[in-house]
Amino acid sequence: MARKTNRNNLGAHVYWRNHRAYGDFREYADVGGGREALALPGSTCGTKDSTVAQALFAARLTELQEARVGRVGVSRRSTTLAELVRDHLIKKVKVGSTSRTHMNDLEHRLGVAVDFFGAGRDPRTI
């Protein structure tokens, strides 16, 4: 019998169905997450061992989190908000399809954001 879960818990979690472990990774659907059996390699059914289930859950969660970081476009090396804004503006200018007025407005708005959040802030924390 399935264990009752808190419907307000929208985060990734382990749940049990018919004494087998499953992981709910739906909050990571953008990088391939969903409801998945926590199964050992070569098996399609979820494991019955809670210790193994927790280890498989942690490994899959780490995999999905790393995929999401890569998808955002922020490299693993630490970058600052000021560097990201500078690179973005340079790329916009190189493309050449943006008017000068729009570029001036964009530069001003991003400058305000940098002042507010701090030039040295990691963009992943915003």
N, C-alpha and C. Protein backbone atom coordinates (compact mmCIF):
# COMPACT_ATOMS: atom_id res chain seq x y z
N MET A 1 0.84 -1.17 0.00
CA MET A 1 0.00 0.00 0.00
C MET A 1 0.89 1.24 0.00
N ALA A 2 0.54 2.23 -0.76
CA ALA A 2 1.33 3.45 -0.88
C ALA A 2 1.24 4.26 0.41
N ARG A 3 2.36 4.85 0.76
CA ARG A 3 2.40 5.70 1.94
C ARG A 3 1.79 7.05 1.60
N LYS A 4 1.01 7.59 2.50
CA LYS A 4 0.44 8.90 2.27
C LYS A 4 1.55 9.94 2.29
N THR A 5 1.49 10.84 1.35
CA THR A 5 2.49 11.91 1.29
C THR A 5 1.80 13.24 1.46
N ASN A 6 2.54 14.22 1.85
CA ASN A 6 2.03 15.56 2.02
C ASN A 6 1.88 16.19 0.63
N ARG A 7 0.70 16.49 0.23
CA ARG A 7 0.44 17.04 -1.10
C ARG A 7 1.06 18.44 -1.26
N ASN A 8 1.36 19.11 -0.18
CA ASN A 8 1.98 20.42 -0.26
C ASN A 8 3.48 20.33 -0.53
N ASN A 9 4.06 19.14 -0.38
CA ASN A 9 5.48 18.95 -0.62
C ASN A 9 5.70 18.81 -2.12
N LEU A 10 6.18 19.86 -2.76
CA LEU A 10 6.38 19.83 -4.20
C LEU A 10 7.81 19.48 -4.57
N GLY A 11 8.66 19.27 -3.60
CA GLY A 11 10.06 18.96 -3.87
C GLY A 11 10.26 17.50 -4.21
N ALA A 12 11.47 17.20 -4.68
CA ALA A 12 11.82 15.81 -4.99
C ALA A 12 11.80 14.99 -3.71
N HIS A 13 11.29 13.76 -3.81
CA HIS A 13 11.21 12.91 -2.63
C HIS A 13 11.08 11.44 -3.05
N VAL A 14 11.33 10.57 -2.09
CA VAL A 14 11.17 9.12 -2.29
C VAL A 14 9.77 8.75 -1.82
N TYR A 15 9.11 7.91 -2.59
CA TYR A 15 7.84 7.37 -2.13
C TYR A 15 7.81 5.87 -2.42
N TRP A 16 6.91 5.18 -1.75
CA TRP A 16 6.85 3.72 -1.82
C TRP A 16 5.52 3.29 -2.41
N ARG A 17 5.57 2.31 -3.30
CA ARG A 17 4.38 1.72 -3.89
C ARG A 17 4.60 0.22 -3.96
N ASN A 18 3.72 -0.55 -3.37
CA ASN A 18 3.83 -2.01 -3.33
C ASN A 18 5.19 -2.45 -2.80
N HIS A 19 5.64 -1.79 -1.76
CA HIS A 19 6.91 -2.09 -1.08
C HIS A 19 8.13 -1.85 -1.97
N ARG A 20 7.99 -1.05 -3.00
CA ARG A 20 9.09 -0.72 -3.89
C ARG A 20 9.28 0.79 -3.89
N ALA A 21 10.55 1.22 -4.04
CA ALA A 21 10.89 2.64 -3.94
C ALA A 21 10.84 3.32 -5.31
N TYR A 22 10.30 4.53 -5.29
CA TYR A 22 10.24 5.38 -6.47
C TYR A 22 10.67 6.78 -6.08
N GLY A 23 11.20 7.50 -7.04
CA GLY A 23 11.58 8.88 -6.80
C GLY A 23 10.68 9.81 -7.58
N ASP A 24 10.24 10.88 -6.94
CA ASP A 24 9.43 11.90 -7.61
C ASP A 24 10.34 13.08 -7.91
N PHE A 25 10.73 13.19 -9.17
CA PHE A 25 11.65 14.24 -9.61
C PHE A 25 10.94 15.18 -10.58
N ARG A 26 9.63 15.34 -10.45
CA ARG A 26 8.87 16.14 -11.40
C ARG A 26 9.29 17.60 -11.42
N GLU A 27 9.83 18.10 -10.32
CA GLU A 27 10.27 19.50 -10.33
C GLU A 27 11.48 19.70 -11.24
N TYR A 28 12.09 18.60 -11.70
CA TYR A 28 13.22 18.65 -12.63
C TYR A 28 12.80 18.18 -14.01
N ALA A 29 11.54 18.35 -14.36
CA ALA A 29 11.03 17.89 -15.66
C ALA A 29 11.74 18.57 -16.82
N ASP A 30 12.22 19.78 -16.62
CA ASP A 30 12.90 20.50 -17.69
C ASP A 30 14.20 19.85 -18.11
N VAL A 31 14.76 18.98 -17.27
CA VAL A 31 16.01 18.28 -17.61
C VAL A 31 15.81 16.76 -17.60
N GLY A 32 14.57 16.30 -17.73
CA GLY A 32 14.31 14.87 -17.86
C GLY A 32 13.81 14.17 -16.61
N GLY A 33 13.52 14.91 -15.56
CA GLY A 33 13.03 14.28 -14.33
C GLY A 33 11.55 13.94 -14.41
N GLY A 34 11.14 13.00 -13.62
CA GLY A 34 9.75 12.58 -13.54
C GLY A 34 9.58 11.61 -12.39
N ARG A 35 8.57 10.80 -12.44
CA ARG A 35 8.41 9.73 -11.45
C ARG A 35 9.19 8.53 -11.98
N GLU A 36 10.15 8.07 -11.19
CA GLU A 36 11.06 7.03 -11.66
C GLU A 36 11.24 5.96 -10.60
N ALA A 37 11.35 4.72 -11.05
CA ALA A 37 11.65 3.61 -10.15
C ALA A 37 13.10 3.76 -9.70
N LEU A 38 13.34 3.63 -8.42
CA LEU A 38 14.70 3.67 -7.89
C LEU A 38 15.23 2.24 -7.95
N ALA A 39 15.78 1.89 -9.10
CA ALA A 39 16.18 0.52 -9.39
C ALA A 39 17.68 0.42 -9.60
N LEU A 40 18.23 -0.72 -9.22
CA LEU A 40 19.64 -1.00 -9.47
C LEU A 40 19.85 -1.20 -10.97
N PRO A 41 21.05 -0.98 -11.48
CA PRO A 41 21.31 -1.20 -12.90
C PRO A 41 20.94 -2.62 -13.31
N GLY A 42 20.25 -2.73 -14.44
CA GLY A 42 19.82 -4.03 -14.93
C GLY A 42 18.44 -4.43 -14.45
N SER A 43 17.84 -3.66 -13.57
CA SER A 43 16.53 -3.95 -13.05
C SER A 43 15.56 -2.85 -13.46
N THR A 44 14.30 -3.19 -13.64
CA THR A 44 13.31 -2.19 -13.99
C THR A 44 12.37 -1.87 -12.83
N CYS A 45 12.38 -2.69 -11.81
CA CYS A 45 11.52 -2.49 -10.64
C CYS A 45 12.29 -1.74 -9.57
N GLY A 46 11.58 -0.93 -8.82
CA GLY A 46 12.19 -0.23 -7.72
C GLY A 46 12.69 -1.18 -6.65
N THR A 47 13.73 -0.77 -5.95
CA THR A 47 14.33 -1.60 -4.91
C THR A 47 13.40 -1.67 -3.69
N LYS A 48 13.59 -2.72 -2.89
CA LYS A 48 12.83 -2.87 -1.65
C LYS A 48 13.65 -2.42 -0.44
N ASP A 49 14.93 -2.15 -0.64
CA ASP A 49 15.85 -1.77 0.44
C ASP A 49 15.86 -0.25 0.57
N SER A 50 15.51 0.25 1.75
CA SER A 50 15.43 1.70 1.94
C SER A 50 16.80 2.37 1.87
N THR A 51 17.85 1.71 2.31
CA THR A 51 19.20 2.29 2.25
C THR A 51 19.64 2.45 0.80
N VAL A 52 19.42 1.43 0.00
CA VAL A 52 19.76 1.48 -1.43
C VAL A 52 18.90 2.54 -2.11
N ALA A 53 17.63 2.62 -1.73
CA ALA A 53 16.73 3.60 -2.33
C ALA A 53 17.23 5.02 -2.07
N GLN A 54 17.67 5.29 -0.85
CA GLN A 54 18.17 6.64 -0.53
C GLN A 54 19.43 6.96 -1.33
N ALA A 55 20.31 5.98 -1.51
CA ALA A 55 21.54 6.20 -2.27
C ALA A 55 21.22 6.45 -3.75
N LEU A 56 20.30 5.67 -4.32
CA LEU A 56 19.91 5.86 -5.71
C LEU A 56 19.21 7.21 -5.90
N PHE A 57 18.38 7.58 -4.92
CA PHE A 57 17.69 8.87 -4.97
C PHE A 57 18.69 10.02 -4.97
N ALA A 58 19.66 9.96 -4.07
CA ALA A 58 20.67 11.02 -3.97
C ALA A 58 21.48 11.13 -5.26
N ALA A 59 21.84 9.99 -5.84
CA ALA A 59 22.63 10.00 -7.07
C ALA A 59 21.83 10.61 -8.22
N ARG A 60 20.56 10.24 -8.34
CA ARG A 60 19.73 10.77 -9.43
C ARG A 60 19.46 12.25 -9.23
N LEU A 61 19.24 12.67 -7.99
CA LEU A 61 18.99 14.08 -7.70
C LEU A 61 20.21 14.92 -8.07
N THR A 62 21.40 14.44 -7.73
CA THR A 62 22.63 15.14 -8.08
C THR A 62 22.77 15.25 -9.59
N GLU A 63 22.47 14.17 -10.29
CA GLU A 63 22.55 14.16 -11.76
C GLU A 63 21.61 15.21 -12.37
N LEU A 64 20.39 15.30 -11.86
CA LEU A 64 19.42 16.26 -12.38
C LEU A 64 19.82 17.69 -12.04
N GLN A 65 20.34 17.91 -10.84
CA GLN A 65 20.77 19.25 -10.46
C GLN A 65 21.92 19.72 -11.33
N GLU A 66 22.87 18.83 -11.63
CA GLU A 66 23.99 19.19 -12.49
C GLU A 66 23.52 19.48 -13.91
N ALA A 67 22.54 18.72 -14.38
CA ALA A 67 22.00 18.96 -15.72
C ALA A 67 21.32 20.32 -15.78
N ARG A 68 20.64 20.69 -14.71
CA ARG A 68 19.95 21.98 -14.69
C ARG A 68 20.96 23.13 -14.68
N VAL A 69 22.03 23.00 -13.93
CA VAL A 69 23.06 24.06 -13.90
C VAL A 69 23.63 24.25 -15.29
N GLY A 70 23.93 23.15 -15.98
CA GLY A 70 24.47 23.24 -17.32
C GLY A 70 23.47 23.85 -18.29
N ARG A 71 22.20 23.59 -18.08
CA ARG A 71 21.15 24.11 -18.96
C ARG A 71 20.98 25.61 -18.81
N VAL A 72 21.20 26.13 -17.62
CA VAL A 72 21.05 27.55 -17.38
C VAL A 72 22.11 28.33 -18.14
N GLY A 73 23.21 27.70 -18.44
CA GLY A 73 24.25 28.36 -19.20
C GLY A 73 25.36 28.93 -18.35
N VAL A 74 25.28 28.70 -17.06
CA VAL A 74 26.33 29.17 -16.17
C VAL A 74 27.31 28.04 -16.01
N SER A 75 28.54 28.29 -16.33
CA SER A 75 29.54 27.24 -16.25
C SER A 75 29.82 26.90 -14.79
N ARG A 76 30.53 25.80 -14.59
CA ARG A 76 30.83 25.38 -13.23
C ARG A 76 31.77 26.34 -12.53
N ARG A 77 32.61 27.02 -13.30
CA ARG A 77 33.48 27.99 -12.65
C ARG A 77 32.62 29.15 -12.17
N SER A 78 33.04 29.77 -11.14
CA SER A 78 32.27 30.86 -10.57
C SER A 78 32.40 32.10 -11.45
N THR A 79 31.28 32.69 -11.77
CA THR A 79 31.28 33.93 -12.54
C THR A 79 30.49 34.96 -11.74
N THR A 80 30.76 36.20 -11.99
CA THR A 80 30.07 37.26 -11.26
C THR A 80 28.96 37.82 -12.13
N LEU A 81 28.04 38.52 -11.50
CA LEU A 81 26.95 39.15 -12.22
C LEU A 81 27.49 40.19 -13.19
N ALA A 82 28.49 40.95 -12.78
CA ALA A 82 29.06 41.98 -13.65
C ALA A 82 29.66 41.36 -14.91
N GLU A 83 30.36 40.22 -14.78
CA GLU A 83 30.94 39.54 -15.94
C GLU A 83 29.84 39.04 -16.88
N LEU A 84 28.79 38.50 -16.30
CA LEU A 84 27.68 37.97 -17.09
C LEU A 84 27.00 39.10 -17.87
N VAL A 85 26.76 40.22 -17.23
CA VAL A 85 26.13 41.37 -17.89
C VAL A 85 27.03 41.89 -19.01
N ARG A 86 28.31 42.01 -18.74
CA ARG A 86 29.26 42.50 -19.75
C ARG A 86 29.25 41.58 -20.97
N ASP A 87 29.34 40.28 -20.74
CA ASP A 87 29.34 39.32 -21.84
C ASP A 87 28.04 39.38 -22.64
N HIS A 88 26.93 39.55 -21.94
CA HIS A 88 25.64 39.63 -22.61
C HIS A 88 25.57 40.86 -23.52
N LEU A 89 26.01 42.00 -23.00
CA LEU A 89 25.97 43.22 -23.80
C LEU A 89 26.90 43.14 -25.01
N ILE A 90 28.05 42.55 -24.83
CA ILE A 90 29.00 42.40 -25.95
C ILE A 90 28.38 41.52 -27.04
N LYS A 91 27.74 40.43 -26.65
CA LYS A 91 27.11 39.55 -27.63
C LYS A 91 25.97 40.25 -28.36
N LYS A 92 25.20 41.07 -27.65
CA LYS A 92 24.11 41.81 -28.29
C LYS A 92 24.66 42.78 -29.34
N VAL A 93 25.77 43.44 -29.02
CA VAL A 93 26.37 44.39 -29.95
C VAL A 93 26.90 43.65 -31.17
N LYS A 94 27.54 42.50 -30.97
CA LYS A 94 28.10 41.73 -32.08
C LYS A 94 27.03 41.25 -33.05
N VAL A 95 25.86 40.87 -32.53
CA VAL A 95 24.78 40.43 -33.40
C VAL A 95 24.32 41.59 -34.28
N GLY A 96 24.26 42.78 -33.73
CA GLY A 96 23.97 43.98 -34.50
C GLY A 96 22.52 44.21 -34.86
N SER A 97 21.61 43.46 -34.31
CA SER A 97 20.19 43.64 -34.65
C SER A 97 19.44 44.48 -33.61
N THR A 98 20.16 45.06 -32.68
CA THR A 98 19.55 45.86 -31.62
C THR A 98 19.88 47.33 -31.85
N SER A 99 18.86 48.17 -31.73
CA SER A 99 19.07 49.61 -31.96
C SER A 99 19.91 50.22 -30.84
N ARG A 100 20.50 51.36 -31.13
CA ARG A 100 21.30 52.06 -30.12
C ARG A 100 20.45 52.47 -28.92
N THR A 101 19.24 52.91 -29.19
CA THR A 101 18.35 53.32 -28.10
C THR A 101 18.07 52.14 -27.17
N HIS A 102 17.75 51.02 -27.78
CA HIS A 102 17.47 49.83 -26.96
C HIS A 102 18.72 49.40 -26.19
N MET A 103 19.87 49.43 -26.82
CA MET A 103 21.12 49.05 -26.14
C MET A 103 21.39 49.97 -24.96
N ASN A 104 21.15 51.28 -25.13
CA ASN A 104 21.35 52.22 -24.02
C ASN A 104 20.40 51.91 -22.87
N ASP A 105 19.13 51.64 -23.22
CA ASP A 105 18.16 51.29 -22.17
C ASP A 105 18.54 49.99 -21.47
N LEU A 106 18.94 49.00 -22.26
CA LEU A 106 19.34 47.71 -21.69
C LEU A 106 20.55 47.85 -20.79
N GLU A 107 21.54 48.62 -21.23
CA GLU A 107 22.74 48.84 -20.42
C GLU A 107 22.38 49.53 -19.11
N HIS A 108 21.47 50.49 -19.17
CA HIS A 108 21.05 51.19 -17.95
C HIS A 108 20.34 50.24 -16.99
N ARG A 109 19.39 49.45 -17.52
CA ARG A 109 18.62 48.54 -16.66
C ARG A 109 19.50 47.46 -16.04
N LEU A 110 20.41 46.92 -16.83
CA LEU A 110 21.31 45.91 -16.27
C LEU A 110 22.28 46.53 -15.27
N GLY A 111 22.66 47.78 -15.49
CA GLY A 111 23.50 48.49 -14.53
C GLY A 111 22.80 48.66 -13.19
N VAL A 112 21.52 48.97 -13.24
CA VAL A 112 20.72 49.10 -12.02
C VAL A 112 20.66 47.75 -11.29
N ALA A 113 20.48 46.68 -12.05
CA ALA A 113 20.44 45.34 -11.45
C ALA A 113 21.77 44.99 -10.79
N VAL A 114 22.87 45.31 -11.46
CA VAL A 114 24.20 45.04 -10.90
C VAL A 114 24.40 45.84 -9.62
N ASP A 115 23.98 47.10 -9.63
CA ASP A 115 24.10 47.92 -8.42
C ASP A 115 23.26 47.35 -7.28
N PHE A 116 22.06 46.86 -7.59
CA PHE A 116 21.17 46.34 -6.58
C PHE A 116 21.67 45.03 -5.99
N PHE A 117 22.02 44.07 -6.86
CA PHE A 117 22.43 42.75 -6.40
C PHE A 117 23.90 42.68 -6.00
N GLY A 118 24.71 43.55 -6.56
CA GLY A 118 26.15 43.54 -6.27
C GLY A 118 26.92 42.97 -7.45
N ALA A 119 27.97 43.64 -7.84
CA ALA A 119 28.75 43.24 -9.02
C ALA A 119 29.41 41.88 -8.83
N GLY A 120 29.81 41.53 -7.63
CA GLY A 120 30.51 40.28 -7.39
C GLY A 120 29.60 39.10 -7.06
N ARG A 121 28.31 39.28 -7.16
CA ARG A 121 27.36 38.23 -6.78
C ARG A 121 27.31 37.12 -7.83
N ASP A 122 27.15 35.90 -7.36
CA ASP A 122 27.01 34.74 -8.25
C ASP A 122 25.60 34.78 -8.81
N PRO A 123 25.43 34.81 -10.14
CA PRO A 123 24.09 34.90 -10.73
C PRO A 123 23.17 33.74 -10.36
N ARG A 124 23.74 32.58 -10.03
CA ARG A 124 22.92 31.43 -9.67
C ARG A 124 22.20 31.61 -8.34
N THR A 125 22.59 32.63 -7.57
CA THR A 125 21.95 32.84 -6.27
C THR A 125 20.82 33.85 -6.33
N ILE A 126 20.54 34.36 -7.50
CA ILE A 126 19.48 35.38 -7.64
C ILE A 126 18.18 34.68 -7.97
